[in-house]
C-alpha atoms as a PDB file:
ATOM      1  CA  MET A   1      68.523 -51.750 138.626  1.00  0.00           C
ATOM      2  CA  ILE A   2      71.541 -51.892 136.324  1.00  0.00           C
ATOM      3  CA  VAL A   3      74.349 -49.397 136.921  1.00  0.00           C
ATOM      4  CA  ILE A   4      76.802 -48.341 134.220  1.00  0.00           C
ATOM      5  CA  ILE A   5      79.843 -46.865 135.930  1.00  0.00           C
ATOM      6  CA  LYS A   6      80.480 -43.243 134.980  1.00  0.00           C
ATOM      7  CA  TYR A   7      84.110 -42.235 134.491  1.00  0.00           C
ATOM      8  CA  ASN A   8      86.268 -40.784 131.720  1.00  0.00           C
ATOM      9  CA  GLY A   9      86.107 -43.987 129.634  1.00  0.00           C
ATOM     10  CA  GLY A  10      83.964 -43.871 126.530  1.00  0.00           C
ATOM     11  CA  ASN A  11      81.232 -46.061 125.074  1.00  0.00           C
ATOM     12  CA  VAL A  12      78.737 -45.520 127.905  1.00  0.00           C
ATOM     13  CA  SER A  13      75.969 -44.413 125.521  1.00  0.00           C
ATOM     14  CA  SER A  14      76.363 -47.486 123.285  1.00  0.00           C
ATOM     15  CA  VAL A  15      76.085 -49.786 126.305  1.00  0.00           C
ATOM     16  CA  GLN A  16      73.029 -47.953 127.627  1.00  0.00           C
ATOM     17  CA  ASN A  17      71.380 -48.088 124.184  1.00  0.00           C
ATOM     18  CA  ALA A  18      71.994 -51.858 124.026  1.00  0.00           C
ATOM     19  CA  LEU A  19      70.370 -52.257 127.452  1.00  0.00           C
ATOM     20  CA  ASN A  20      67.420 -50.107 126.333  1.00  0.00           C
ATOM     21  CA  ARG A  21      66.884 -52.477 123.390  1.00  0.00           C
ATOM     22  CA  LEU A  22      66.663 -55.292 125.953  1.00  0.00           C
ATOM     23  CA  GLU A  23      64.152 -53.190 127.952  1.00  0.00           C
ATOM     24  CA  ALA A  24      66.519 -53.099 130.930  1.00  0.00           C
ATOM     25  CA  VAL A  25      66.400 -50.058 133.186  1.00  0.00           C
ATOM     26  CA  SER A  26      69.876 -48.602 133.701  1.00  0.00           C
ATOM     27  CA  VAL A  27      71.497 -45.538 135.212  1.00  0.00           C
ATOM     28  CA  VAL A  28      74.938 -44.044 134.543  1.00  0.00           C
ATOM     29  CA  THR A  29      76.567 -42.946 137.805  1.00  0.00           C
ATOM     30  CA  ASP A  30      79.718 -42.761 139.900  1.00  0.00           C
ATOM     31  CA  ASP A  31      77.746 -42.571 143.166  1.00  0.00           C
ATOM     32  CA  PHE A  32      79.092 -45.224 145.568  1.00  0.00           C
ATOM     33  CA  ASP A  33      75.780 -46.049 147.251  1.00  0.00           C
ATOM     34  CA  THR A  34      73.952 -46.407 143.933  1.00  0.00           C
ATOM     35  CA  ILE A  35      76.692 -48.675 142.595  1.00  0.00           C
ATOM     36  CA  ARG A  36      76.788 -50.797 145.775  1.00  0.00           C
ATOM     37  CA  ASN A  37      73.001 -51.244 145.756  1.00  0.00           C
ATOM     38  CA  ALA A  38      72.655 -52.084 142.061  1.00  0.00           C
ATOM     39  CA  ASP A  39      71.494 -55.538 140.958  1.00  0.00           C
ATOM     40  CA  LYS A  40      74.170 -55.617 138.243  1.00  0.00           C
ATOM     41  CA  VAL A  41      77.114 -53.340 137.418  1.00  0.00           C
ATOM     42  CA  ILE A  42      78.654 -52.735 133.997  1.00  0.00           C
ATOM     43  CA  PHE A  43      82.144 -51.238 133.719  1.00  0.00           C
ATOM     44  CA  PRO A  44      82.546 -50.275 130.040  1.00  0.00           C
ATOM     45  CA  GLY A  45      85.497 -48.604 128.467  1.00  0.00           C
ATOM     46  CA  VAL A  46      87.146 -47.106 125.455  1.00  0.00           C
ATOM     47  CA  GLY A  47      90.260 -45.053 126.012  1.00  0.00           C
ATOM     48  CA  GLU A  48      93.825 -45.074 127.314  1.00  0.00           C
ATOM     49  CA  ALA A  49      94.673 -47.177 130.367  1.00  0.00           C
ATOM     50  CA  SER A  50      96.868 -44.883 132.504  1.00  0.00           C
ATOM     51  CA  SER A  51      94.705 -41.750 132.277  1.00  0.00           C
ATOM     52  CA  THR A  52      91.552 -43.797 132.849  1.00  0.00           C
ATOM     53  CA  MET A  53      93.052 -45.523 135.896  1.00  0.00           C
ATOM     54  CA  LYS A  54      94.117 -42.130 137.260  1.00  0.00           C
ATOM     55  CA  ASN A  55      90.504 -40.939 136.973  1.00  0.00           C
ATOM     56  CA  LEU A  56      89.213 -44.082 138.702  1.00  0.00           C
ATOM     57  CA  LYS A  57      91.688 -43.562 141.578  1.00  0.00           C
ATOM     58  CA  GLU A  58      90.708 -39.908 141.982  1.00  0.00           C
ATOM     59  CA  LYS A  59      87.089 -41.005 142.447  1.00  0.00           C
ATOM     60  CA  GLY A  60      87.934 -44.042 144.601  1.00  0.00           C
ATOM     61  CA  LEU A  61      86.310 -46.341 142.059  1.00  0.00           C
ATOM     62  CA  ASP A  62      89.495 -48.435 141.859  1.00  0.00           C
ATOM     63  CA  LEU A  63      88.774 -49.615 145.416  1.00  0.00           C
ATOM     64  CA  LEU A  64      84.994 -49.804 145.111  1.00  0.00           C
ATOM     65  CA  ILE A  65      84.807 -51.996 141.978  1.00  0.00           C
ATOM     66  CA  PRO A  66      86.852 -54.944 143.364  1.00  0.00           C
ATOM     67  CA  SER A  67      84.746 -54.907 146.557  1.00  0.00           C
ATOM     68  CA  LEU A  68      81.429 -55.400 144.734  1.00  0.00           C
ATOM     69  CA  ARG A  69      79.502 -58.621 145.402  1.00  0.00           C
ATOM     70  CA  GLN A  70      76.825 -58.473 142.670  1.00  0.00           C
ATOM     71  CA  PRO A  71      77.566 -59.526 139.062  1.00  0.00           C
ATOM     72  CA  VAL A  72      79.996 -57.060 137.450  1.00  0.00           C
ATOM     73  CA  LEU A  73      80.753 -56.971 133.709  1.00  0.00           C
ATOM     74  CA  GLY A  74      83.893 -55.263 132.394  1.00  0.00           C
ATOM     75  CA  ILE A  75      83.958 -54.417 128.693  1.00  0.00           C
ATOM     76  CA  CYS A  76      87.104 -53.754 126.600  1.00  0.00           C
ATOM     77  CA  LEU A  77      89.222 -51.252 128.584  1.00  0.00           C
ATOM     78  CA  GLY A  78      87.022 -52.080 131.587  1.00  0.00           C
ATOM     79  CA  MET A  79      88.212 -55.696 131.296  1.00  0.00           C
ATOM     80  CA  GLN A  80      91.842 -54.629 130.968  1.00  0.00           C
ATOM     81  CA  LEU A  81      91.699 -52.365 134.037  1.00  0.00           C
ATOM     82  CA  MET A  82      90.292 -55.266 136.072  1.00  0.00           C
ATOM     83  CA  CYS A  83      93.597 -57.087 135.454  1.00  0.00           C
ATOM     84  CA  GLY A  84      96.840 -56.813 137.416  1.00  0.00           C
ATOM     85  CA  SER A  85      99.061 -54.786 135.118  1.00  0.00           C
ATOM     86  CA  ASN A  86      98.845 -53.146 131.717  1.00  0.00           C
ATOM     87  CA  GLU A  87     101.716 -52.329 129.360  1.00  0.00           C
ATOM     88  CA  GLU A  88      99.769 -49.287 128.130  1.00  0.00           C
ATOM     89  CA  GLY A  89     101.288 -46.469 130.140  1.00  0.00           C
ATOM     90  CA  ASN A  90     102.845 -49.040 132.525  1.00  0.00           C
ATOM     91  CA  THR A  91      99.552 -49.040 134.402  1.00  0.00           C
ATOM     92  CA  GLU A  92      98.736 -50.944 137.563  1.00  0.00           C
ATOM     93  CA  GLY A  93      95.199 -52.306 137.362  1.00  0.00           C
ATOM     94  CA  MET A  94      92.711 -53.360 140.021  1.00  0.00           C
ATOM     95  CA  GLY A  95      94.053 -56.921 140.243  1.00  0.00           C
ATOM     96  CA  ILE A  96      90.704 -58.707 140.120  1.00  0.00           C
ATOM     97  CA  PHE A  97      92.238 -60.975 137.477  1.00  0.00           C
ATOM     98  CA  ASP A  98      95.889 -61.634 138.273  1.00  0.00           C
ATOM     99  CA  ILE A  99      97.080 -61.462 134.676  1.00  0.00           C
ATOM    100  CA  ARG A 100      98.983 -59.043 132.457  1.00  0.00           C
ATOM    101  CA  VAL A 101      97.648 -56.927 129.625  1.00  0.00           C
ATOM    102  CA  LYS A 102     100.206 -56.757 126.826  1.00  0.00           C
ATOM    103  CA  LYS A 103     100.578 -54.866 123.557  1.00  0.00           C
ATOM    104  CA  PHE A 104     100.119 -56.876 120.383  1.00  0.00           C
ATOM    105  CA  PRO A 105     103.423 -57.425 118.547  1.00  0.00           C
ATOM    106  CA  PRO A 106     104.153 -54.687 115.991  1.00  0.00           C
ATOM    107  CA  LYS A 107     102.230 -55.367 112.807  1.00  0.00           C
ATOM    108  CA  ASP A 108     100.481 -53.332 110.137  1.00  0.00           C
ATOM    109  CA  ILE A 109      97.190 -54.801 111.356  1.00  0.00           C
ATOM    110  CA  VAL A 110      97.076 -53.306 114.871  1.00  0.00           C
ATOM    111  CA  PRO A 111      94.743 -52.258 116.342  1.00  0.00           C
ATOM    112  CA  HIS A 112      92.606 -55.369 116.126  1.00  0.00           C
ATOM    113  CA  THR A 113      89.451 -53.816 114.709  1.00  0.00           C
ATOM    114  CA  GLY A 114      86.390 -55.596 113.414  1.00  0.00           C
ATOM    115  CA  TRP A 115      84.654 -58.944 113.617  1.00  0.00           C
ATOM    116  CA  ASN A 116      86.518 -62.001 114.794  1.00  0.00           C
ATOM    117  CA  THR A 117      85.689 -65.464 116.088  1.00  0.00           C
ATOM    118  CA  VAL A 118      85.655 -66.532 119.737  1.00  0.00           C
ATOM    119  CA  SER A 119      86.125 -70.207 120.580  1.00  0.00           C
ATOM    120  CA  GLU A 120      86.857 -72.517 123.528  1.00  0.00           C
ATOM    121  CA  VAL A 121      83.847 -71.023 125.307  1.00  0.00           C
ATOM    122  CA  LYS A 122      83.509 -71.892 129.020  1.00  0.00           C
ATOM    123  CA  SER A 123      81.042 -69.301 130.320  1.00  0.00           C
ATOM    124  CA  ASN A 124      77.331 -69.366 131.075  1.00  0.00           C
ATOM    125  CA  LEU A 125      77.149 -65.914 129.462  1.00  0.00           C
ATOM    126  CA  PHE A 126      77.467 -67.709 126.114  1.00  0.00           C
ATOM    127  CA  SER A 127      74.459 -69.933 126.895  1.00  0.00           C
ATOM    128  CA  GLY A 128      72.254 -70.272 123.813  1.00  0.00           C
ATOM    129  CA  SER A 129      75.135 -69.373 121.490  1.00  0.00           C
ATOM    130  CA  GLU A 130      76.862 -71.750 119.164  1.00  0.00           C
ATOM    131  CA  GLU A 131      80.603 -72.296 119.360  1.00  0.00           C
ATOM    132  CA  ASN A 132      82.743 -70.027 117.159  1.00  0.00           C
ATOM    133  CA  ASN A 133      80.619 -66.883 117.144  1.00  0.00           C
ATOM    134  CA  ASP A 134      81.878 -63.653 115.596  1.00  0.00           C
ATOM    135  CA  VAL A 135      81.943 -60.587 117.831  1.00  0.00           C
ATOM    136  CA  TYR A 136      83.256 -57.036 117.421  1.00  0.00           C
ATOM    137  CA  PHE A 137      86.714 -56.022 118.699  1.00  0.00           C
ATOM    138  CA  VAL A 138      88.623 -52.710 118.855  1.00  0.00           C
ATOM    139  CA  HIS A 139      91.890 -52.912 120.823  1.00  0.00           C
ATOM    140  CA  SER A 140      95.689 -52.786 120.600  1.00  0.00           C
ATOM    141  CA  TYR A 141      96.342 -54.548 123.923  1.00  0.00           C
ATOM    142  CA  TYR A 142      95.263 -58.027 124.964  1.00  0.00           C
ATOM    143  CA  CYS A 143      94.808 -60.092 128.128  1.00  0.00           C
ATOM    144  CA  GLU A 144      96.995 -63.175 128.363  1.00  0.00           C
ATOM    145  CA  LEU A 145      95.455 -66.630 128.468  1.00  0.00           C
ATOM    146  CA  SER A 146      94.960 -67.761 132.055  1.00  0.00           C
ATOM    147  CA  GLU A 147      92.888 -69.881 134.410  1.00  0.00           C
ATOM    148  CA  PHE A 148      90.245 -67.115 134.202  1.00  0.00           C
ATOM    149  CA  THR A 149      89.885 -67.329 130.393  1.00  0.00           C
ATOM    150  CA  THR A 150      86.321 -68.218 129.360  1.00  0.00           C
ATOM    151  CA  SER A 151      86.745 -67.748 125.603  1.00  0.00           C
ATOM    152  CA  VAL A 152      89.664 -67.355 123.233  1.00  0.00           C
ATOM    153  CA  CYS A 153      90.259 -65.277 120.121  1.00  0.00           C
ATOM    154  CA  ASP A 154      93.219 -65.737 117.781  1.00  0.00           C
ATOM    155  CA  TYR A 155      94.536 -62.506 116.291  1.00  0.00           C
ATOM    156  CA  ILE A 156      98.303 -62.484 115.714  1.00  0.00           C
ATOM    157  CA  LEU A 157      98.323 -64.784 118.775  1.00  0.00           C
ATOM    158  CA  PRO A 158      95.699 -66.447 121.006  1.00  0.00           C
ATOM    159  CA  PHE A 159      94.377 -64.182 123.794  1.00  0.00           C
ATOM    160  CA  SER A 160      91.549 -64.055 126.323  1.00  0.00           C
ATOM    161  CA  ALA A 161      88.382 -62.825 124.623  1.00  0.00           C
ATOM    162  CA  SER A 162      86.532 -63.116 127.948  1.00  0.00           C
ATOM    163  CA  LEU A 163      87.319 -63.758 131.601  1.00  0.00           C
ATOM    164  CA  GLN A 164      85.476 -64.768 134.751  1.00  0.00           C
ATOM    165  CA  LYS A 165      86.340 -64.968 138.429  1.00  0.00           C
ATOM    166  CA  ASP A 166      83.612 -65.296 141.054  1.00  0.00           C
ATOM    167  CA  ASN A 167      81.068 -62.502 140.376  1.00  0.00           C
ATOM    168  CA  PHE A 168      83.360 -60.688 137.923  1.00  0.00           C
ATOM    169  CA  TYR A 169      82.851 -61.208 134.185  1.00  0.00           C
ATOM    170  CA  ALA A 170      84.752 -59.439 131.429  1.00  0.00           C
ATOM    171  CA  MET A 171      84.814 -59.242 127.640  1.00  0.00           C
ATOM    172  CA  GLN A 172      87.550 -57.794 125.440  1.00  0.00           C
ATOM    173  CA  PHE A 173      85.052 -57.459 122.606  1.00  0.00           C
ATOM    174  CA  HIS A 174      82.064 -55.114 122.596  1.00  0.00           C
ATOM    175  CA  PRO A 175      78.819 -57.036 123.159  1.00  0.00           C
ATOM    176  CA  GLU A 176      76.861 -53.815 122.600  1.00  0.00           C
ATOM    177  CA  LYS A 177      78.227 -53.721 119.024  1.00  0.00           C
ATOM    178  CA  SER A 178      78.132 -57.475 118.347  1.00  0.00           C
ATOM    179  CA  GLY A 179      74.625 -57.858 116.917  1.00  0.00           C
ATOM    180  CA  THR A 180      72.373 -60.694 118.075  1.00  0.00           C
ATOM    181  CA  VAL A 181      75.263 -62.606 119.683  1.00  0.00           C
ATOM    182  CA  GLY A 182      76.180 -59.578 121.784  1.00  0.00           C
ATOM    183  CA  SER A 183      72.552 -58.975 122.743  1.00  0.00           C
ATOM    184  CA  ARG A 184      72.280 -62.582 123.920  1.00  0.00           C
ATOM    185  CA  LEU A 185      75.440 -62.197 126.016  1.00  0.00           C
ATOM    186  CA  LEU A 186      74.100 -59.038 127.670  1.00  0.00           C
ATOM    187  CA  GLU A 187      70.736 -60.689 128.235  1.00  0.00           C
ATOM    188  CA  ASN A 188      72.447 -63.674 129.886  1.00  0.00           C
ATOM    189  CA  PHE A 189      74.413 -61.290 132.107  1.00  0.00           C
ATOM    190  CA  LEU A 190      71.188 -59.573 133.145  1.00  0.00           C
ATOM    191  CA  LYS A 191      69.708 -62.976 134.092  1.00  0.00           C
ATOM    192  CA  LEU A 192      72.560 -63.853 136.488  1.00  0.00           C
END
């Protein structure tokens, strides 16, 4: 069973619809036992970092998520909250990835919205994909490049488009909105 973590972050329905298209059974829940016993866990997100982290702490999910042993996929804000610190609201994250989330430099073209290319791919989630695929982004904050970076996007500056550490995978872009490339990435995650 696939669990999509329920909290005050948005985009849960889009993720569940993408899984339905792949004929994957999923449930949206914040129940600890259900999450712990899931085959795979998806931590999606659209929203503001500090208020979302506050909600996660109130539910104890900030401690549960880093303790999970099955494959976990963070998406967008989910990825950012898996990091150490976030400039949005001066938020302390879960520290799964010991990197900072920073605001893009002031420009007329922030937030980064729309299709952009990912390169320097080093993840089995991209298996079956060609190098330099376009995926869909919506964000004003970015994860620094680090030892955990598994793909790179260049928008104003190079940043981590995806991360991986042990059983934790994360994508700044939205695979559920990234057409056939995104479907392949989700399918590869489900096969882990």
